[in-house]
Amino acid sequence: MTNSVLCIIYVDIEHILYIQHNFLAMFTKTLGATSAHLLTALAERNQLVFSITDAQEILGGSYNAALLALGRLTEAGWLVRLTAGRYAIVPLSSGDAALPQVNRYIIARELLGESPYYISHESALDIHNMLTRPITRVIATTPRRLKKREIMSMSYRFVSAPLSSLWGYESNWVTPYEQVNVSDLERTILDCLNRPDLCTGISQVAVGLWMRQDDFKWDILGHYTQKLGRHSVAQRLGYLLELFDLGTPSLIENLQKMVASHYASLDPFLPAQGPYLARWRLRINIEPEALETIVRT
């Protein structure tokens, strides 16, 4: 190992120790020794979401004592209660002693508890590096009916769907320590084509297709489209694939077989205007040139 590498490691260790010292000093001054010990221990474990039992284990007292301590920290704004018995640390905004931000997708997973789910639509685009703008909401698909939540300036929206429609997803690492369920590339595109309003419009779907064009399994995309059985999705997908010269001839041929007799809008959440395209039974309410400019910019 070279001296430069040793130096970097040494500096990193010193920085970590400095941050941990600041954690303890600042928290003890503002919260008291017990609360400071709890927050510092959780941060050192990278356990930003935790249970009452976790807190009890760290504090070493009774369950009720841990519950009271968590109640005080929540009231003071240091913690946020996610579900019954589950809490997340609220990060400090800045400074060397700032707590790290809890991953938004981990919070979504915690809000759902034991319910089946997958992170979907524009949130899945984000995880798969198919999104070109910051997001202010997290979307998950689940059979469970949940109201929208606002937690730490992030909106959490849950799309209700029958259990039988939860397919085409995988486990994905969103931190070095935590995984969530997220729709795979192919299912992500289909979900967004089905609900463009949940992924900022058809133009973002086109961007995602273009950005990850080398990673799609076109045969799986075709199989998924047939399994989903939505004619409008097949029509939009076929149009975009032809516009950007993507996919395979067999996929285009199979999508053509799914074209319905009635017309659908390319983006159903934009005004119903523009020319009709008979090949895909679509009303093209976004100019192709505009889509190409957005995708290639």
C-alpha atoms as a PDB file:
ATOM      1  CA  MET A   1       0.000   0.000   0.000  1.00  0.00           C
ATOM      2  CA  THR A   2       1.428   3.379  -0.996  1.00  0.00           C
ATOM      3  CA  ASN A   3       2.002   6.287   1.359  1.00  0.00           C
ATOM      4  CA  SER A   4      -0.645   8.323  -0.470  1.00  0.00           C
ATOM      5  CA  VAL A   5      -3.259   5.611   0.090  1.00  0.00           C
ATOM      6  CA  LEU A   6      -2.264   5.333   3.745  1.00  0.00           C
ATOM      7  CA  CYS A   7      -2.569   9.097   4.047  1.00  0.00           C
ATOM      8  CA  ILE A   8      -6.069   9.075   2.543  1.00  0.00           C
ATOM      9  CA  ILE A   9      -7.188   6.295   4.876  1.00  0.00           C
ATOM     10  CA  TYR A  10      -5.717   8.119   7.846  1.00  0.00           C
ATOM     11  CA  VAL A  11      -7.466  11.349   6.910  1.00  0.00           C
ATOM     12  CA  ASP A  12     -10.792   9.525   6.403  1.00  0.00           C
ATOM     13  CA  ILE A  13     -10.522   7.868   9.806  1.00  0.00           C
ATOM     14  CA  GLU A  14      -9.662  11.188  11.415  1.00  0.00           C
ATOM     15  CA  HIS A  15     -12.666  12.793   9.720  1.00  0.00           C
ATOM     16  CA  ILE A  16     -14.995  10.023  10.894  1.00  0.00           C
ATOM     17  CA  LEU A  17     -13.720  10.347  14.466  1.00  0.00           C
ATOM     18  CA  TYR A  18     -14.125  14.125  14.255  1.00  0.00           C
ATOM     19  CA  ILE A  19     -17.734  13.773  13.089  1.00  0.00           C
ATOM     20  CA  GLN A  20     -18.521  11.223  15.800  1.00  0.00           C
ATOM     21  CA  HIS A  21     -17.021  13.539  18.418  1.00  0.00           C
ATOM     22  CA  ASN A  22     -19.184  16.385  17.126  1.00  0.00           C
ATOM     23  CA  PHE A  23     -22.254  14.150  17.241  1.00  0.00           C
ATOM     24  CA  LEU A  24     -21.720  13.399  20.901  1.00  0.00           C
ATOM     25  CA  ALA A  25     -20.670  16.911  21.947  1.00  0.00           C
ATOM     26  CA  MET A  26     -23.514  18.699  20.176  1.00  0.00           C
ATOM     27  CA  PHE A  27     -26.238  16.195  21.014  1.00  0.00           C
ATOM     28  CA  THR A  28     -25.232  16.039  24.680  1.00  0.00           C
ATOM     29  CA  LYS A  29     -25.358  19.823  24.917  1.00  0.00           C
ATOM     30  CA  THR A  30     -28.772  20.163  23.262  1.00  0.00           C
ATOM     31  CA  LEU A  31     -30.545  16.917  24.164  1.00  0.00           C
ATOM     32  CA  GLY A  32     -28.949  15.418  27.217  1.00  0.00           C
ATOM     33  CA  ALA A  33     -26.719  12.383  27.583  1.00  0.00           C
ATOM     34  CA  THR A  34     -29.371   9.687  27.045  1.00  0.00           C
ATOM     35  CA  SER A  35     -30.789  11.090  23.813  1.00  0.00           C
ATOM     36  CA  ALA A  36     -27.307  11.958  22.557  1.00  0.00           C
ATOM     37  CA  HIS A  37     -26.138   8.403  23.188  1.00  0.00           C
ATOM     38  CA  LEU A  38     -29.123   6.982  21.303  1.00  0.00           C
ATOM     39  CA  LEU A  39     -28.751   9.185  18.212  1.00  0.00           C
ATOM     40  CA  THR A  40     -24.990   8.717  18.071  1.00  0.00           C
ATOM     41  CA  ALA A  41     -25.253   4.929  18.376  1.00  0.00           C
ATOM     42  CA  LEU A  42     -27.895   4.761  15.639  1.00  0.00           C
ATOM     43  CA  ALA A  43     -25.805   6.951  13.327  1.00  0.00           C
ATOM     44  CA  GLU A  44     -22.696   4.835  13.915  1.00  0.00           C
ATOM     45  CA  ARG A  45     -24.714   1.731  12.980  1.00  0.00           C
ATOM     46  CA  ASN A  46     -26.051   3.454   9.843  1.00  0.00           C
ATOM     47  CA  GLN A  47     -29.441   2.609  11.329  1.00  0.00           C
ATOM     48  CA  LEU A  48     -31.409   5.669  10.312  1.00  0.00           C
ATOM     49  CA  VAL A  49     -34.722   3.795  10.467  1.00  0.00           C
ATOM     50  CA  PHE A  50     -35.251   1.774  13.617  1.00  0.00           C
ATOM     51  CA  SER A  51     -37.749   0.251  16.039  1.00  0.00           C
ATOM     52  CA  ILE A  52     -38.561   0.827  19.694  1.00  0.00           C
ATOM     53  CA  THR A  53     -36.811  -2.460  20.446  1.00  0.00           C
ATOM     54  CA  ASP A  54     -33.648  -1.170  18.744  1.00  0.00           C
ATOM     55  CA  ALA A  55     -33.742   1.917  20.947  1.00  0.00           C
ATOM     56  CA  GLN A  56     -34.314  -0.192  24.051  1.00  0.00           C
ATOM     57  CA  GLU A  57     -31.301  -2.338  23.183  1.00  0.00           C
ATOM     58  CA  ILE A  58     -29.071   0.743  22.896  1.00  0.00           C
ATOM     59  CA  LEU A  59     -30.378   2.488  26.004  1.00  0.00           C
ATOM     60  CA  GLY A  60     -30.430  -0.650  28.124  1.00  0.00           C
ATOM     61  CA  GLY A  61     -33.599   0.251  30.027  1.00  0.00           C
ATOM     62  CA  SER A  62     -37.209  -0.843  29.862  1.00  0.00           C
ATOM     63  CA  TYR A  63     -39.456  -0.778  26.799  1.00  0.00           C
ATOM     64  CA  ASN A  64     -41.561   2.024  28.291  1.00  0.00           C
ATOM     65  CA  ALA A  65     -38.466   4.091  29.070  1.00  0.00           C
ATOM     66  CA  ALA A  66     -37.319   3.754  25.453  1.00  0.00           C
ATOM     67  CA  LEU A  67     -40.804   4.709  24.257  1.00  0.00           C
ATOM     68  CA  LEU A  68     -40.772   7.841  26.399  1.00  0.00           C
ATOM     69  CA  ALA A  69     -37.319   8.812  25.108  1.00  0.00           C
ATOM     70  CA  LEU A  70     -38.484   8.403  21.515  1.00  0.00           C
ATOM     71  CA  GLY A  71     -41.577  10.455  22.248  1.00  0.00           C
ATOM     72  CA  ARG A  72     -39.460  13.332  23.537  1.00  0.00           C
ATOM     73  CA  LEU A  73     -37.143  13.196  20.511  1.00  0.00           C
ATOM     74  CA  THR A  74     -40.111  13.099  18.138  1.00  0.00           C
ATOM     75  CA  GLU A  75     -41.742  16.074  19.835  1.00  0.00           C
ATOM     76  CA  ALA A  76     -38.441  17.958  19.622  1.00  0.00           C
ATOM     77  CA  GLY A  77     -38.199  17.268  15.879  1.00  0.00           C
ATOM     78  CA  TRP A  78     -35.210  14.911  15.964  1.00  0.00           C
ATOM     79  CA  LEU A  79     -37.241  11.870  14.925  1.00  0.00           C
ATOM     80  CA  VAL A  80     -40.270  11.247  12.728  1.00  0.00           C
ATOM     81  CA  ARG A  81     -42.691   8.411  13.403  1.00  0.00           C
ATOM     82  CA  LEU A  82     -43.234   6.344  10.259  1.00  0.00           C
ATOM     83  CA  THR A  83     -45.560   3.598  11.472  1.00  0.00           C
ATOM     84  CA  ALA A  84     -46.448   2.006  14.789  1.00  0.00           C
ATOM     85  CA  GLY A  85     -43.133   1.323  16.487  1.00  0.00           C
ATOM     86  CA  ARG A  86     -40.936   2.514  13.587  1.00  0.00           C
ATOM     87  CA  TYR A  87     -39.006   5.800  13.527  1.00  0.00           C
ATOM     88  CA  ALA A  88     -36.577   7.655  11.262  1.00  0.00           C
ATOM     89  CA  ILE A  89     -33.883  10.131  12.247  1.00  0.00           C
ATOM     90  CA  VAL A  90     -34.454  13.633  10.900  1.00  0.00           C
ATOM     91  CA  PRO A  91     -31.134  14.848   9.431  1.00  0.00           C
ATOM     92  CA  LEU A  92     -29.540  18.139  10.314  1.00  0.00           C
ATOM     93  CA  SER A  93     -29.415  20.516   7.389  1.00  0.00           C
ATOM     94  CA  SER A  94     -25.691  21.209   7.362  1.00  0.00           C
ATOM     95  CA  GLY A  95     -22.419  21.165   9.243  1.00  0.00           C
ATOM     96  CA  ASP A  96     -19.739  18.630  10.007  1.00  0.00           C
ATOM     97  CA  ALA A  97     -21.971  16.955  12.575  1.00  0.00           C
ATOM     98  CA  ALA A  98     -24.936  16.633  10.211  1.00  0.00           C
ATOM     99  CA  LEU A  99     -26.767  13.335  10.251  1.00  0.00           C
ATOM    100  CA  PRO A 100     -27.052  11.567   6.900  1.00  0.00           C
ATOM    101  CA  GLN A 101     -30.322  11.738   4.994  1.00  0.00           C
ATOM    102  CA  VAL A 102     -32.578   8.700   5.285  1.00  0.00           C
ATOM    103  CA  ASN A 103     -33.041   7.201   1.825  1.00  0.00           C
ATOM    104  CA  ARG A 104     -36.510   8.084   0.558  1.00  0.00           C
ATOM    105  CA  TYR A 105     -37.120   4.612  -0.833  1.00  0.00           C
ATOM    106  CA  ILE A 106     -36.310   3.013   2.508  1.00  0.00           C
ATOM    107  CA  ILE A 107     -38.939   5.266   4.082  1.00  0.00           C
ATOM    108  CA  ALA A 108     -41.482   4.125   1.469  1.00  0.00           C
ATOM    109  CA  ARG A 109     -40.675   0.496   2.263  1.00  0.00           C
ATOM    110  CA  GLU A 110     -41.112   1.142   5.973  1.00  0.00           C
ATOM    111  CA  LEU A 111     -44.454   2.879   5.444  1.00  0.00           C
ATOM    112  CA  LEU A 112     -45.728  -0.234   3.680  1.00  0.00           C
ATOM    113  CA  GLY A 113     -44.698  -2.586   6.468  1.00  0.00           C
ATOM    114  CA  GLU A 114     -45.254  -6.221   5.491  1.00  0.00           C
ATOM    115  CA  SER A 115     -47.444  -5.390   2.478  1.00  0.00           C
ATOM    116  CA  PRO A 116     -46.324  -6.541  -0.982  1.00  0.00           C
ATOM    117  CA  TYR A 117     -45.100  -3.614  -3.056  1.00  0.00           C
ATOM    118  CA  TYR A 118     -42.668  -2.327  -5.605  1.00  0.00           C
ATOM    119  CA  ILE A 119     -41.284   1.169  -6.190  1.00  0.00           C
ATOM    120  CA  SER A 120     -42.795   2.261  -9.488  1.00  0.00           C
ATOM    121  CA  HIS A 121     -43.315   4.901 -12.171  1.00  0.00           C
ATOM    122  CA  GLU A 122     -41.052   7.964 -11.939  1.00  0.00           C
ATOM    123  CA  SER A 123     -39.435   6.637  -8.759  1.00  0.00           C
ATOM    124  CA  ALA A 124     -38.394   3.507 -10.641  1.00  0.00           C
ATOM    125  CA  LEU A 125     -37.113   5.715 -13.464  1.00  0.00           C
ATOM    126  CA  ASP A 126     -34.983   7.470 -10.861  1.00  0.00           C
ATOM    127  CA  ILE A 127     -33.562   4.249  -9.404  1.00  0.00           C
ATOM    128  CA  HIS A 128     -32.747   2.954 -12.893  1.00  0.00           C
ATOM    129  CA  ASN A 129     -31.013   6.212 -13.876  1.00  0.00           C
ATOM    130  CA  MET A 130     -33.666   7.049 -16.468  1.00  0.00           C
ATOM    131  CA  LEU A 131     -34.788  10.362 -14.995  1.00  0.00           C
ATOM    132  CA  THR A 132     -33.323  13.735 -15.890  1.00  0.00           C
ATOM    133  CA  ARG A 133     -34.828  15.967 -13.209  1.00  0.00           C
ATOM    134  CA  PRO A 134     -35.070  16.071  -9.406  1.00  0.00           C
ATOM    135  CA  ILE A 135     -38.111  14.439  -7.848  1.00  0.00           C
ATOM    136  CA  THR A 136     -40.250  15.564  -4.938  1.00  0.00           C
ATOM    137  CA  ARG A 137     -42.361  12.437  -4.515  1.00  0.00           C
ATOM    138  CA  VAL A 138     -41.965   8.691  -4.154  1.00  0.00           C
ATOM    139  CA  ILE A 139     -44.434   6.343  -5.832  1.00  0.00           C
ATOM    140  CA  ALA A 140     -45.005   2.717  -4.867  1.00  0.00           C
ATOM    141  CA  THR A 141     -47.514   0.186  -6.195  1.00  0.00           C
ATOM    142  CA  THR A 142     -49.202  -2.049  -3.619  1.00  0.00           C
ATOM    143  CA  PRO A 143     -52.487  -3.890  -2.995  1.00  0.00           C
ATOM    144  CA  ARG A 144     -52.761  -1.978   0.271  1.00  0.00           C
ATOM    145  CA  ARG A 145     -54.780   1.245   0.287  1.00  0.00           C
ATOM    146  CA  LEU A 146     -52.775   3.998   1.924  1.00  0.00           C
ATOM    147  CA  LYS A 147     -53.214   7.738   2.054  1.00  0.00           C
ATOM    148  CA  LYS A 148     -50.523  10.035   0.736  1.00  0.00           C
ATOM    149  CA  ARG A 149     -47.918  11.016   3.322  1.00  0.00           C
ATOM    150  CA  GLU A 150     -45.571  13.985   3.596  1.00  0.00           C
ATOM    151  CA  ILE A 151     -42.314  13.187   5.387  1.00  0.00           C
ATOM    152  CA  MET A 152     -39.252  15.423   5.483  1.00  0.00           C
ATOM    153  CA  SER A 153     -40.324  17.493   2.448  1.00  0.00           C
ATOM    154  CA  MET A 154     -40.988  14.380   0.363  1.00  0.00           C
ATOM    155  CA  SER A 155     -44.424  13.222  -0.776  1.00  0.00           C
ATOM    156  CA  TYR A 156     -45.211   9.489  -0.662  1.00  0.00           C
ATOM    157  CA  ARG A 157     -47.954   8.261  -2.970  1.00  0.00           C
ATOM    158  CA  PHE A 158     -49.262   4.704  -3.106  1.00  0.00           C
ATOM    159  CA  VAL A 159     -50.895   3.346  -6.260  1.00  0.00           C
ATOM    160  CA  SER A 160     -53.437   0.676  -5.399  1.00  0.00           C
ATOM    161  CA  ALA A 161     -53.321  -2.452  -7.573  1.00  0.00           C
ATOM    162  CA  PRO A 162     -54.501  -6.059  -7.176  1.00  0.00           C
ATOM    163  CA  LEU A 163     -51.916  -8.539  -5.929  1.00  0.00           C
ATOM    164  CA  SER A 164     -52.073 -10.389  -9.257  1.00  0.00           C
ATOM    165  CA  SER A 165     -50.659  -7.325 -11.033  1.00  0.00           C
ATOM    166  CA  LEU A 166     -47.509  -7.211  -8.896  1.00  0.00           C
ATOM    167  CA  TRP A 167     -45.001  -8.807 -11.245  1.00  0.00           C
ATOM    168  CA  GLY A 168     -41.947  -7.674 -13.164  1.00  0.00           C
ATOM    169  CA  TYR A 169     -40.005  -6.321 -10.198  1.00  0.00           C
ATOM    170  CA  GLU A 170     -36.686  -7.055  -8.515  1.00  0.00           C
ATOM    171  CA  SER A 171     -34.657  -6.232  -5.408  1.00  0.00           C
ATOM    172  CA  ASN A 172     -32.354  -3.271  -5.874  1.00  0.00           C
ATOM    173  CA  TRP A 173     -29.697  -1.779  -3.612  1.00  0.00           C
ATOM    174  CA  VAL A 174     -30.528   1.850  -2.841  1.00  0.00           C
ATOM    175  CA  THR A 175     -27.879   2.243  -0.120  1.00  0.00           C
ATOM    176  CA  PRO A 176     -24.797   0.152   0.707  1.00  0.00           C
ATOM    177  CA  TYR A 177     -26.900  -1.585   3.367  1.00  0.00           C
ATOM    178  CA  GLU A 178     -30.526  -1.605   2.216  1.00  0.00           C
ATOM    179  CA  GLN A 179     -32.601  -2.992  -0.664  1.00  0.00           C
ATOM    180  CA  VAL A 180     -36.097  -2.235  -1.916  1.00  0.00           C
ATOM    181  CA  ASN A 181     -38.400  -3.844  -4.458  1.00  0.00           C
ATOM    182  CA  VAL A 182     -38.474  -1.885  -7.708  1.00  0.00           C
ATOM    183  CA  SER A 183     -40.027  -2.573 -11.097  1.00  0.00           C
ATOM    184  CA  ASP A 184     -37.454  -3.823 -13.595  1.00  0.00           C
ATOM    185  CA  LEU A 185     -36.591  -1.800 -16.685  1.00  0.00           C
ATOM    186  CA  GLU A 186     -39.289  -3.336 -18.846  1.00  0.00           C
ATOM    187  CA  ARG A 187     -42.116  -3.096 -16.320  1.00  0.00           C
ATOM    188  CA  THR A 188     -41.092   0.467 -15.469  1.00  0.00           C
ATOM    189  CA  ILE A 189     -41.576   1.572 -19.073  1.00  0.00           C
ATOM    190  CA  LEU A 190     -44.978  -0.106 -19.313  1.00  0.00           C
ATOM    191  CA  ASP A 191     -46.209   1.373 -16.033  1.00  0.00           C
ATOM    192  CA  CYS A 192     -45.182   4.828 -17.218  1.00  0.00           C
ATOM    193  CA  LEU A 193     -46.850   4.359 -20.597  1.00  0.00           C
ATOM    194  CA  ASN A 194     -50.002   3.288 -18.784  1.00  0.00           C
ATOM    195  CA  ARG A 195     -49.897   6.262 -16.384  1.00  0.00           C
ATOM    196  CA  PRO A 196     -47.813   9.063 -17.945  1.00  0.00           C
ATOM    197  CA  ASP A 197     -49.098  11.407 -15.229  1.00  0.00           C
ATOM    198  CA  LEU A 198     -47.013   9.460 -12.699  1.00  0.00           C
ATOM    199  CA  CYS A 199     -43.770   9.919 -14.616  1.00  0.00           C
ATOM    200  CA  THR A 200     -44.052  13.558 -15.774  1.00  0.00           C
ATOM    201  CA  GLY A 201     -45.361  12.615 -19.212  1.00  0.00           C
ATOM    202  CA  ILE A 202     -44.584  10.613 -22.329  1.00  0.00           C
ATOM    203  CA  SER A 203     -41.486  12.691 -23.025  1.00  0.00           C
ATOM    204  CA  GLN A 204     -39.817  11.290 -19.888  1.00  0.00           C
ATOM    205  CA  VAL A 205     -40.655   7.743 -21.005  1.00  0.00           C
ATOM    206  CA  ALA A 206     -38.975   8.479 -24.318  1.00  0.00           C
ATOM    207  CA  VAL A 207     -35.908   9.791 -22.496  1.00  0.00           C
ATOM    208  CA  GLY A 208     -35.763   6.647 -20.363  1.00  0.00           C
ATOM    209  CA  LEU A 209     -36.024   4.370 -23.391  1.00  0.00           C
ATOM    210  CA  TRP A 210     -33.234   6.243 -25.119  1.00  0.00           C
ATOM    211  CA  MET A 211     -30.919   6.407 -22.102  1.00  0.00           C
ATOM    212  CA  ARG A 212     -31.099   2.675 -21.354  1.00  0.00           C
ATOM    213  CA  GLN A 213     -31.641   1.355 -24.887  1.00  0.00           C
ATOM    214  CA  ASP A 214     -28.684  -1.039 -24.645  1.00  0.00           C
ATOM    215  CA  ASP A 215     -30.012  -2.627 -21.459  1.00  0.00           C
ATOM    216  CA  PHE A 216     -33.560  -3.563 -22.422  1.00  0.00           C
ATOM    217  CA  LYS A 217     -34.509  -7.177 -23.054  1.00  0.00           C
ATOM    218  CA  TRP A 218     -36.838  -6.617 -25.993  1.00  0.00           C
ATOM    219  CA  ASP A 219     -38.338 -10.103 -25.857  1.00  0.00           C
ATOM    220  CA  ILE A 220     -39.262  -9.590 -22.206  1.00  0.00           C
ATOM    221  CA  LEU A 221     -40.703  -6.162 -23.004  1.00  0.00           C
ATOM    222  CA  GLY A 222     -42.926  -7.780 -25.632  1.00  0.00           C
ATOM    223  CA  HIS A 223     -43.980 -10.551 -23.247  1.00  0.00           C
ATOM    224  CA  TYR A 224     -44.772  -8.037 -20.517  1.00  0.00           C
ATOM    225  CA  THR A 225     -46.842  -5.923 -22.909  1.00  0.00           C
ATOM    226  CA  GLN A 226     -48.975  -8.919 -23.836  1.00  0.00           C
ATOM    227  CA  LYS A 227     -49.316  -9.896 -20.178  1.00  0.00           C
ATOM    228  CA  LEU A 228     -50.412  -6.371 -19.227  1.00  0.00           C
ATOM    229  CA  GLY A 229     -52.969  -6.453 -22.024  1.00  0.00           C
ATOM    230  CA  ARG A 230     -53.430  -2.703 -22.425  1.00  0.00           C
ATOM    231  CA  HIS A 231     -53.893  -1.741 -26.080  1.00  0.00           C
ATOM    232  CA  SER A 232     -53.035   1.922 -25.501  1.00  0.00           C
ATOM    233  CA  VAL A 233     -49.731   0.907 -23.870  1.00  0.00           C
ATOM    234  CA  ALA A 234     -48.815  -1.267 -26.855  1.00  0.00           C
ATOM    235  CA  GLN A 235     -49.717   1.565 -29.243  1.00  0.00           C
ATOM    236  CA  ARG A 236     -47.612   4.157 -27.399  1.00  0.00           C
ATOM    237  CA  LEU A 237     -44.682   1.772 -27.046  1.00  0.00           C
ATOM    238  CA  GLY A 238     -44.732   0.824 -30.717  1.00  0.00           C
ATOM    239  CA  TYR A 239     -44.808   4.454 -31.788  1.00  0.00           C
ATOM    240  CA  LEU A 240     -41.862   5.432 -29.573  1.00  0.00           C
ATOM    241  CA  LEU A 241     -39.788   2.433 -30.622  1.00  0.00           C
ATOM    242  CA  GLU A 242     -40.277   3.244 -34.297  1.00  0.00           C
ATOM    243  CA  LEU A 243     -39.680   6.959 -33.778  1.00  0.00           C
ATOM    244  CA  PHE A 244     -36.279   6.306 -32.187  1.00  0.00           C
ATOM    245  CA  ASP A 245     -35.427   3.181 -34.198  1.00  0.00           C
ATOM    246  CA  LEU A 246     -35.340   0.926 -31.145  1.00  0.00           C
ATOM    247  CA  GLY A 247     -36.475  -2.623 -30.459  1.00  0.00           C
ATOM    248  CA  THR A 248     -36.592  -5.514 -32.901  1.00  0.00           C
ATOM    249  CA  PRO A 249     -38.732  -6.260 -35.979  1.00  0.00           C
ATOM    250  CA  SER A 250     -40.480  -9.115 -34.167  1.00  0.00           C
ATOM    251  CA  LEU A 251     -41.358  -6.845 -31.239  1.00  0.00           C
ATOM    252  CA  ILE A 252     -42.800  -4.191 -33.565  1.00  0.00           C
ATOM    253  CA  GLU A 253     -44.784  -6.881 -35.383  1.00  0.00           C
ATOM    254  CA  ASN A 254     -46.239  -8.233 -32.135  1.00  0.00           C
ATOM    255  CA  LEU A 255     -47.130  -4.746 -30.928  1.00  0.00           C
ATOM    256  CA  GLN A 256     -48.930  -4.110 -34.203  1.00  0.00           C
ATOM    257  CA  LYS A 257     -51.150  -7.106 -33.459  1.00  0.00           C
ATOM    258  CA  MET A 258     -52.238  -5.407 -30.231  1.00  0.00           C
ATOM    259  CA  VAL A 259     -53.364  -2.157 -31.876  1.00  0.00           C
ATOM    260  CA  ALA A 260     -57.013  -1.460 -31.072  1.00  0.00           C
ATOM    261  CA  SER A 261     -59.616  -0.181 -33.517  1.00  0.00           C
ATOM    262  CA  HIS A 262     -60.093   3.061 -31.564  1.00  0.00           C
ATOM    263  CA  TYR A 263     -57.629   5.915 -31.200  1.00  0.00           C
ATOM    264  CA  ALA A 264     -55.775   6.868 -28.019  1.00  0.00           C
ATOM    265  CA  SER A 265     -53.750   9.994 -27.285  1.00  0.00           C
ATOM    266  CA  LEU A 266     -49.987   9.625 -27.244  1.00  0.00           C
ATOM    267  CA  ASP A 267     -50.049  11.464 -23.900  1.00  0.00           C
ATOM    268  CA  PRO A 268     -53.540  11.249 -22.373  1.00  0.00           C
ATOM    269  CA  PHE A 269     -52.782  14.014 -19.884  1.00  0.00           C
ATOM    270  CA  LEU A 270     -52.072  16.633 -22.532  1.00  0.00           C
ATOM    271  CA  PRO A 271     -54.746  18.407 -24.608  1.00  0.00           C
ATOM    272  CA  ALA A 272     -56.425  16.189 -27.211  1.00  0.00           C
ATOM    273  CA  GLN A 273     -55.046  17.859 -30.318  1.00  0.00           C
ATOM    274  CA  GLY A 274     -52.727  17.048 -33.184  1.00  0.00           C
ATOM    275  CA  PRO A 275     -52.838  14.673 -36.174  1.00  0.00           C
ATOM    276  CA  TYR A 276     -54.034  11.072 -36.145  1.00  0.00           C
ATOM    277  CA  LEU A 277     -51.607   8.263 -36.986  1.00  0.00           C
ATOM    278  CA  ALA A 278     -53.491   5.285 -38.379  1.00  0.00           C
ATOM    279  CA  ARG A 279     -50.593   2.804 -38.079  1.00  0.00           C
ATOM    280  CA  TRP A 280     -50.629   2.974 -34.271  1.00  0.00           C
ATOM    281  CA  ARG A 281     -54.145   4.387 -33.806  1.00  0.00           C
ATOM    282  CA  LEU A 282     -52.696   7.334 -31.914  1.00  0.00           C
ATOM    283  CA  ARG A 283     -53.448  11.009 -31.789  1.00  0.00           C
ATOM    284  CA  ILE A 284     -49.992  12.573 -31.806  1.00  0.00           C
ATOM    285  CA  ASN A 285     -50.446  15.404 -29.326  1.00  0.00           C
ATOM    286  CA  ILE A 286     -46.688  15.926 -28.930  1.00  0.00           C
ATOM    287  CA  GLU A 287     -44.742  16.877 -32.028  1.00  0.00           C
ATOM    288  CA  PRO A 288     -42.216  14.154 -32.978  1.00  0.00           C
ATOM    289  CA  GLU A 289     -39.541  16.810 -33.484  1.00  0.00           C
ATOM    290  CA  ALA A 290     -40.098  18.038 -29.924  1.00  0.00           C
ATOM    291  CA  LEU A 291     -39.707  14.513 -28.557  1.00  0.00           C
ATOM    292  CA  GLU A 292     -36.511  13.970 -30.532  1.00  0.00           C
ATOM    293  CA  THR A 293     -35.092  17.257 -29.276  1.00  0.00           C
ATOM    294  CA  ILE A 294     -35.886  16.375 -25.661  1.00  0.00           C
ATOM    295  CA  VAL A 295     -34.378  12.903 -25.964  1.00  0.00           C
ATOM    296  CA  ARG A 296     -31.174  13.935 -27.714  1.00  0.00           C
ATOM    297  CA  THR A 297     -30.476  17.006 -25.579  1.00  0.00           C
END
